[in-house]
Amino acid sequence: MNIKTVLKNHKRNVIIASAAAVIVILAGYVVLQSGAAGFFAFAEPEGSTISGNAKLVNDASASGGKAIAFNAPTTTPPPTTPPPATGTTTCPLPKYPTDSCVGVPAGKTLTTISGDYTAKAGEVIDGKRITGSLIIGGSGVVIRNSEITGKIDNNAGSNSSRPSFTVEDSTMGPNSCGNISDGVVGVSNYTAKRVRIKNQPDGFRIAGSNVLIEDSYVTVCSVNPNDHSDGIQVYGAANATNIVIRHNTIDQRSVTNGAATAPIFIPTDADRQGNNGVTVTVADNVVAGGGYGLRVYGTLPLTAYVTGNKVVNNSWGYGPVDVTCDKIKSWSGNAVVSFDWTTGVITQVRALTDCGS
């Protein structure tokens, strides 16, 4: 190669390098002026893997309508632990509900409503003393921080059409033993939390789906041998689902005239009880009194998950539990215990290690 050709090629390379340098400088200037927020790559990004401080964005002028934005602002992921819920129990496990952590909060001022009252859809009843019963007249009713002498009742229509309600931090029942024998709170599509029920033959009634009873304390009574008293009874709830009875204390020891059935009573031994096909979860409850502390039994289809329940020692008439084992899909952590009714603390006496032991 002669000297002229070498000089010619060298000159061409210098020109190309200079032009490239100018392009890089101009591009860098554009990036600096824009804060790099608008710096895009248009090279078929839709099939690529994007990583680092970049993201795929829509751009009508780009190939395939997509472009890669570099130096994209990072997004802070949501916290993996949700914020704590409000209105939670002040006696969580391993404690169980007592008078100290259920019912109307101490010092709450109440406004009296005389006689029965019908709540409209979506109504919030807060800080009331109702001397009769509360009728749920439409869905979405919320009752909190209130006393009700009678019952809360949405027992109208079929299970699917009963209006929904929530009752929390409230006290139910008269000052002496009453005569409401079909449940003080019921019967479906309801949530009850931190509710105190007292001085009635029956506490909660479940006659359909979508029931949560949690962190509540029930003491039942009876003046009539025909009451068949129960703390929580499932009755007329055929094919009901989404029933959860969790972390409650049910005391039936005062019913001594033979009228007691069980603190928690879920039978399917006869069609007349209407519980064919019920699915229910019974977990972490303390029960005392009754012929049996816990009865979940029968010949008809029943699906029950029974875990962590505690039967107060020597409080029953016949035995701690009466269950049909082939109806129990999960049985664990159930035990006979001693219970401190003031502090809500248990001392385990023995485990109920197999179904019905």
Protein backbone atom coordinates (compact mmCIF):
# COMPACT_ATOMS: atom_id res chain seq x y z
CA MET A 1 0.00 0.00 0.00
CA ASN A 2 1.48 3.38 -1.02
CA ILE A 3 1.78 6.38 1.25
CA LYS A 4 -1.12 8.23 -0.41
CA THR A 5 -3.55 5.37 0.34
CA VAL A 6 -2.41 5.22 3.98
CA LEU A 7 -2.92 8.94 4.45
CA LYS A 8 -6.30 8.79 2.78
CA ASN A 9 -7.49 5.95 5.06
CA HIS A 10 -6.12 7.70 8.16
CA LYS A 11 -7.98 10.89 7.24
CA ARG A 12 -11.22 8.94 6.77
CA ASN A 13 -10.86 7.22 10.15
CA VAL A 14 -10.24 10.52 11.91
CA ILE A 15 -13.40 11.99 10.37
CA ILE A 16 -15.50 8.95 11.42
CA ALA A 17 -14.11 9.02 14.95
CA SER A 18 -14.72 12.74 15.27
CA ALA A 19 -18.31 12.39 14.05
CA ALA A 20 -18.94 9.57 16.53
CA ALA A 21 -17.53 11.66 19.35
CA VAL A 22 -19.81 14.55 18.46
CA ILE A 23 -22.85 12.21 18.48
CA VAL A 24 -21.91 10.82 21.90
CA ILE A 25 -21.38 14.32 23.31
CA LEU A 26 -24.72 15.53 21.95
CA ALA A 27 -26.53 12.45 23.32
CA GLY A 28 -24.96 12.94 26.69
CA TYR A 29 -26.03 16.57 26.71
CA VAL A 30 -29.61 15.58 25.92
CA VAL A 31 -29.58 13.01 28.73
CA LEU A 32 -28.22 15.50 31.23
CA GLN A 33 -30.75 18.14 30.26
CA SER A 34 -33.66 15.72 30.61
CA GLY A 35 -32.46 14.14 33.87
CA ALA A 36 -32.35 10.84 31.92
CA ALA A 37 -36.08 10.45 32.50
CA GLY A 38 -36.83 10.39 28.79
CA PHE A 39 -33.94 8.31 27.51
CA PHE A 40 -35.46 5.43 25.56
CA ALA A 41 -34.26 2.42 23.59
CA PHE A 42 -36.46 1.46 20.65
CA ALA A 43 -34.93 -1.89 19.66
CA GLU A 44 -37.81 -4.42 19.81
CA PRO A 45 -38.02 -4.46 23.64
CA GLU A 46 -41.32 -6.26 23.97
CA GLY A 47 -39.71 -9.69 23.87
CA SER A 48 -36.80 -8.79 26.11
CA THR A 49 -36.12 -9.26 29.80
CA ILE A 50 -35.99 -5.89 31.59
CA SER A 51 -33.87 -5.53 34.73
CA GLY A 52 -32.13 -2.89 36.77
CA ASN A 53 -33.28 0.70 36.85
CA ALA A 54 -35.35 0.44 33.65
CA LYS A 55 -38.90 -0.32 32.66
CA LEU A 56 -40.97 -1.11 29.57
CA VAL A 57 -43.27 1.76 28.55
CA ASN A 58 -45.78 2.50 25.78
CA ASP A 59 -44.45 4.67 22.94
CA ALA A 60 -46.37 5.06 19.67
CA SER A 61 -43.25 6.05 17.74
CA ALA A 62 -41.27 2.99 18.81
CA SER A 63 -41.07 -0.40 17.15
CA GLY A 64 -43.98 -2.49 18.29
CA GLY A 65 -45.30 0.46 20.28
CA LYS A 66 -42.96 -0.27 23.19
CA ALA A 67 -39.74 1.33 24.44
CA ILE A 68 -37.36 0.88 27.34
CA ALA A 69 -37.06 3.83 29.74
CA PHE A 70 -33.70 3.88 31.52
CA ASN A 71 -33.22 5.45 34.94
CA ALA A 72 -36.91 4.81 35.55
CA PRO A 73 -38.07 5.80 39.02
CA THR A 74 -38.23 2.84 41.36
CA THR A 75 -41.50 1.79 42.94
CA THR A 76 -41.53 0.98 46.64
CA PRO A 77 -43.24 -2.39 47.13
CA PRO A 78 -46.13 -2.58 49.56
CA PRO A 79 -45.28 -3.81 53.06
CA THR A 80 -45.43 -7.55 53.45
CA THR A 81 -47.08 -7.20 56.87
CA PRO A 82 -50.44 -5.38 56.84
CA PRO A 83 -51.02 -2.64 59.39
CA PRO A 84 -52.56 -3.81 62.65
CA ALA A 85 -56.35 -4.05 62.68
CA THR A 86 -58.35 -1.73 64.88
CA GLY A 87 -60.70 -2.98 67.56
CA THR A 88 -58.85 -6.23 68.18
CA THR A 89 -59.25 -8.23 71.36
CA THR A 90 -57.29 -7.25 74.46
CA CYS A 91 -57.17 -10.90 75.57
CA PRO A 92 -55.62 -12.73 72.59
CA LEU A 93 -54.38 -16.28 72.72
CA PRO A 94 -53.09 -17.86 74.88
CA LYS A 95 -55.70 -16.01 76.97
CA TYR A 96 -59.44 -16.40 76.42
CA PRO A 97 -62.31 -13.92 76.69
CA THR A 98 -63.52 -12.78 80.12
CA ASP A 99 -65.55 -9.79 81.27
CA SER A 100 -62.41 -7.66 81.09
CA CYS A 101 -62.17 -7.73 77.30
CA VAL A 102 -65.70 -8.00 75.90
CA GLY A 103 -68.89 -5.97 75.89
CA VAL A 104 -69.38 -2.23 76.16
CA PRO A 105 -66.07 -0.54 77.04
CA ALA A 106 -65.88 0.84 80.58
CA GLY A 107 -66.90 4.48 80.86
CA LYS A 108 -68.85 4.53 77.59
CA THR A 109 -71.84 6.93 77.75
CA LEU A 110 -75.03 5.38 76.37
CA THR A 111 -78.18 7.00 74.98
CA THR A 112 -81.39 5.09 75.71
CA ILE A 113 -83.81 3.89 73.04
CA SER A 114 -86.95 2.53 74.71
CA GLY A 115 -88.52 -0.67 73.37
CA ASP A 116 -87.76 -2.43 70.10
CA TYR A 117 -85.88 -0.66 67.34
CA THR A 118 -85.58 -1.44 63.60
CA ALA A 119 -82.28 -0.51 61.97
CA LYS A 120 -82.20 0.69 58.37
CA ALA A 121 -79.75 -0.59 55.76
CA GLY A 122 -76.26 0.72 56.42
CA GLU A 123 -77.17 2.28 59.77
CA VAL A 124 -74.47 2.54 62.45
CA ILE A 125 -75.73 2.16 66.01
CA ASP A 126 -73.06 3.37 68.41
CA GLY A 127 -73.35 4.10 72.13
CA LYS A 128 -77.03 3.12 72.53
CA ARG A 129 -78.96 1.33 75.26
CA ILE A 130 -81.92 -0.44 73.62
CA THR A 131 -84.40 -1.72 76.19
CA GLY A 132 -86.10 -4.08 73.70
CA SER A 133 -84.83 -6.01 70.68
CA LEU A 134 -83.01 -4.76 67.61
CA ILE A 135 -84.49 -5.82 64.28
CA ILE A 136 -82.14 -5.74 61.28
CA GLY A 137 -84.19 -4.03 58.57
CA GLY A 138 -81.55 -3.91 55.85
CA SER A 139 -78.03 -5.07 55.06
CA GLY A 140 -74.84 -3.48 56.32
CA VAL A 141 -76.04 -2.55 59.81
CA VAL A 142 -73.22 -2.02 62.34
CA ILE A 143 -73.81 -2.16 66.11
CA ARG A 144 -70.98 -1.19 68.43
CA ASN A 145 -70.44 -0.03 72.02
CA SER A 146 -74.10 -0.68 72.85
CA GLU A 147 -76.33 -2.53 75.31
CA ILE A 148 -79.39 -4.44 74.12
CA THR A 149 -81.78 -6.03 76.61
CA GLY A 150 -83.49 -8.25 74.03
CA LYS A 151 -82.09 -9.85 70.89
CA ILE A 152 -80.58 -8.93 67.54
CA ASP A 153 -82.60 -10.62 64.84
CA ASN A 154 -82.37 -10.82 61.05
CA ASN A 155 -84.50 -13.95 60.87
CA ALA A 156 -86.62 -12.95 57.89
CA GLY A 157 -86.69 -14.60 54.49
CA SER A 158 -84.30 -17.28 53.27
CA ASN A 159 -80.65 -17.55 54.22
CA SER A 160 -79.45 -15.84 51.04
CA SER A 161 -81.76 -12.85 51.50
CA ARG A 162 -81.29 -12.20 55.22
CA PRO A 163 -79.79 -8.74 55.75
CA SER A 164 -76.20 -8.71 56.98
CA PHE A 165 -74.99 -7.06 60.17
CA THR A 166 -71.96 -6.69 62.42
CA VAL A 167 -72.07 -6.39 66.21
CA GLU A 168 -68.95 -5.64 68.23
CA ASP A 169 -67.97 -4.44 71.71
CA SER A 170 -71.57 -4.75 72.87
CA THR A 171 -73.48 -6.37 75.74
CA MET A 172 -76.64 -8.42 75.30
CA GLY A 173 -79.13 -9.57 77.91
CA PRO A 174 -81.26 -8.46 80.88
CA ASN A 175 -80.23 -8.10 84.51
CA SER A 176 -81.82 -11.41 85.50
CA CYS A 177 -82.46 -14.68 83.69
CA GLY A 178 -84.66 -14.11 80.65
CA ASN A 179 -86.62 -16.38 78.34
CA ILE A 180 -85.20 -15.92 74.82
CA SER A 181 -84.71 -19.58 73.94
CA ASP A 182 -83.95 -19.32 70.21
CA GLY A 183 -80.74 -17.30 70.37
CA VAL A 184 -79.91 -13.77 71.44
CA VAL A 185 -77.91 -13.04 68.27
CA GLY A 186 -78.77 -14.62 64.91
CA VAL A 187 -79.27 -16.10 62.55
CA SER A 188 -77.05 -15.83 59.43
CA ASN A 189 -74.95 -13.34 57.46
CA TYR A 190 -73.53 -11.77 60.61
CA THR A 191 -70.24 -11.07 62.37
CA ALA A 192 -70.01 -10.86 66.16
CA LYS A 193 -66.79 -9.77 67.86
CA ARG A 194 -66.12 -9.04 71.54
CA VAL A 195 -69.79 -9.51 72.39
CA ARG A 196 -70.94 -10.25 75.94
CA ILE A 197 -74.13 -12.33 76.17
CA LYS A 198 -75.62 -13.00 79.60
CA ASN A 199 -78.80 -14.08 81.38
CA GLN A 200 -80.56 -15.88 78.54
CA PRO A 201 -81.07 -19.62 77.88
CA ASP A 202 -79.42 -19.49 74.44
CA GLY A 203 -76.55 -17.33 73.20
CA PHE A 204 -75.84 -17.35 69.47
CA ARG A 205 -78.05 -19.04 66.88
CA ILE A 206 -76.74 -20.05 63.45
CA ALA A 207 -79.29 -20.92 60.78
CA GLY A 208 -77.40 -20.24 57.57
CA SER A 209 -74.10 -19.27 55.96
CA ASN A 210 -71.60 -16.47 56.50
CA VAL A 211 -71.30 -16.34 60.28
CA LEU A 212 -68.23 -15.34 62.30
CA ILE A 213 -68.42 -15.47 66.11
CA GLU A 214 -65.12 -14.42 67.62
CA ASP A 215 -63.53 -13.13 70.85
CA SER A 216 -66.89 -13.24 72.68
CA TYR A 217 -68.07 -14.40 76.12
CA VAL A 218 -71.40 -16.13 76.79
CA THR A 219 -72.94 -17.15 80.10
CA VAL A 220 -76.34 -18.80 79.75
CA CYS A 221 -79.04 -19.49 82.32
CA SER A 222 -82.34 -21.32 82.53
CA VAL A 223 -85.54 -21.18 84.54
CA ASN A 224 -87.37 -23.74 82.40
CA PRO A 225 -86.40 -27.44 82.09
CA ASN A 226 -87.59 -27.36 78.47
CA ASP A 227 -85.15 -24.65 77.41
CA HIS A 228 -82.53 -27.08 76.01
CA SER A 229 -80.05 -24.31 76.69
CA ASP A 230 -77.01 -23.85 74.41
CA GLY A 231 -74.24 -21.29 74.22
CA ILE A 232 -73.96 -21.53 70.44
CA GLN A 233 -76.36 -23.68 68.46
CA VAL A 234 -76.47 -24.50 64.76
CA TYR A 235 -80.07 -25.25 63.80
CA GLY A 236 -81.88 -25.11 60.44
CA ALA A 237 -78.65 -24.40 58.56
CA ALA A 238 -78.81 -27.01 55.79
CA ASN A 239 -75.85 -26.78 53.37
CA ALA A 240 -74.55 -23.66 55.12
CA THR A 241 -70.90 -22.73 54.65
CA ASN A 242 -68.44 -20.12 55.90
CA ILE A 243 -69.31 -20.63 59.56
CA VAL A 244 -66.46 -19.88 61.96
CA ILE A 245 -66.71 -20.12 65.78
CA ARG A 246 -63.34 -18.96 67.07
CA HIS A 247 -61.75 -17.88 70.38
CA ASN A 248 -64.86 -17.60 72.52
CA THR A 249 -65.62 -18.52 76.13
CA ILE A 250 -68.96 -20.28 76.70
CA ASP A 251 -70.05 -20.92 80.29
CA GLN A 252 -73.11 -23.12 80.86
CA ARG A 253 -72.32 -24.24 84.39
CA SER A 254 -75.26 -22.39 85.96
CA VAL A 255 -77.81 -24.51 84.06
CA THR A 256 -78.20 -27.32 86.57
CA ASN A 257 -81.84 -28.38 86.17
CA GLY A 258 -81.25 -30.77 83.26
CA ALA A 259 -82.07 -28.12 80.66
CA ALA A 260 -78.53 -27.85 79.28
CA THR A 261 -77.52 -29.39 75.97
CA ALA A 262 -74.00 -28.07 75.26
CA PRO A 263 -72.02 -24.86 75.19
CA ILE A 264 -71.43 -25.54 71.47
CA PHE A 265 -74.06 -27.74 69.83
CA ILE A 266 -73.85 -28.80 66.15
CA PRO A 267 -76.00 -31.89 65.50
CA THR A 268 -77.07 -33.75 62.35
CA ASP A 269 -78.66 -36.77 63.95
CA ALA A 270 -82.15 -36.00 62.63
CA ASP A 271 -83.76 -34.24 59.67
CA ARG A 272 -85.79 -32.06 62.04
CA GLN A 273 -82.61 -30.22 63.03
CA GLY A 274 -82.11 -29.07 59.44
CA ASN A 275 -78.30 -29.18 59.52
CA ASN A 276 -77.74 -31.63 56.67
CA GLY A 277 -74.57 -30.65 54.78
CA VAL A 278 -73.25 -27.95 57.12
CA THR A 279 -69.54 -26.98 56.95
CA VAL A 280 -68.19 -25.37 60.11
CA THR A 281 -64.92 -24.44 61.82
CA VAL A 282 -64.75 -24.59 65.64
CA ALA A 283 -61.38 -23.39 66.90
CA ASP A 284 -59.72 -22.18 70.11
CA ASN A 285 -62.83 -21.94 72.30
CA VAL A 286 -63.12 -22.51 76.06
CA VAL A 287 -66.34 -24.31 77.03
CA ALA A 288 -67.76 -25.29 80.41
CA GLY A 289 -70.94 -27.03 81.56
CA GLY A 290 -73.62 -28.86 79.61
CA GLY A 291 -74.19 -32.57 79.22
CA TYR A 292 -71.09 -32.43 77.01
CA GLY A 293 -68.83 -29.43 76.55
CA LEU A 294 -68.76 -29.78 72.77
CA ARG A 295 -71.20 -31.72 70.60
CA VAL A 296 -70.53 -32.14 66.86
CA TYR A 297 -72.20 -35.34 65.76
CA GLY A 298 -74.81 -37.09 63.66
CA THR A 299 -75.64 -39.48 60.87
CA LEU A 300 -76.29 -36.96 58.09
CA PRO A 301 -73.50 -35.23 56.11
CA LEU A 302 -71.50 -32.76 58.19
CA THR A 303 -68.02 -31.31 57.67
CA ALA A 304 -66.33 -29.94 60.78
CA TYR A 305 -62.85 -28.65 61.55
CA VAL A 306 -62.37 -28.87 65.33
CA THR A 307 -59.03 -27.61 66.64
CA GLY A 308 -57.59 -26.04 69.77
CA ASN A 309 -60.75 -26.20 71.88
CA LYS A 310 -60.51 -26.41 75.68
CA VAL A 311 -63.13 -28.11 77.89
CA VAL A 312 -63.04 -27.03 81.54
CA ASN A 313 -62.28 -30.04 83.68
CA ASN A 314 -65.18 -31.77 85.49
CA SER A 315 -67.69 -29.15 84.33
CA TRP A 316 -69.73 -31.55 82.15
CA GLY A 317 -72.57 -33.92 82.98
CA TYR A 318 -71.56 -36.90 80.81
CA GLY A 319 -68.23 -36.18 79.20
CA PRO A 320 -66.03 -33.49 77.66
CA VAL A 321 -67.10 -34.04 74.04
CA ASP A 322 -69.67 -35.90 71.97
CA VAL A 323 -68.47 -36.10 68.37
CA THR A 324 -68.90 -38.37 65.37
CA CYS A 325 -65.36 -38.88 64.20
CA ASP A 326 -66.05 -39.46 60.52
CA LYS A 327 -67.64 -35.98 60.38
CA ILE A 328 -64.47 -34.35 61.77
CA LYS A 329 -62.05 -33.43 58.99
CA SER A 330 -59.47 -31.93 61.35
CA TRP A 331 -59.04 -32.74 65.04
CA SER A 332 -56.02 -31.39 66.92
CA GLY A 333 -55.07 -29.36 69.98
CA ASN A 334 -58.31 -30.11 71.83
CA ALA A 335 -57.86 -30.62 75.58
CA VAL A 336 -59.33 -30.74 79.07
CA VAL A 337 -58.10 -27.77 81.11
CA SER A 338 -58.35 -25.79 84.30
CA PHE A 339 -59.48 -22.22 83.65
CA ASP A 340 -59.06 -18.98 85.56
CA TRP A 341 -62.32 -17.12 84.94
CA THR A 342 -60.80 -13.82 86.00
CA THR A 343 -57.59 -13.78 83.96
CA GLY A 344 -58.67 -16.00 81.05
CA VAL A 345 -55.63 -18.26 81.48
CA ILE A 346 -55.77 -22.05 81.08
CA THR A 347 -53.70 -24.85 82.58
CA GLN A 348 -53.84 -28.00 80.52
CA VAL A 349 -54.95 -31.15 82.39
CA ARG A 350 -54.89 -33.65 79.53
CA ALA A 351 -55.04 -33.68 75.78
CA LEU A 352 -58.00 -35.04 73.84
CA THR A 353 -55.59 -36.82 71.57
CA ASP A 354 -58.05 -38.72 69.42
CA CYS A 355 -61.50 -37.87 68.18
CA GLY A 356 -63.95 -38.25 71.05
CA SER A 357 -61.44 -39.40 73.67
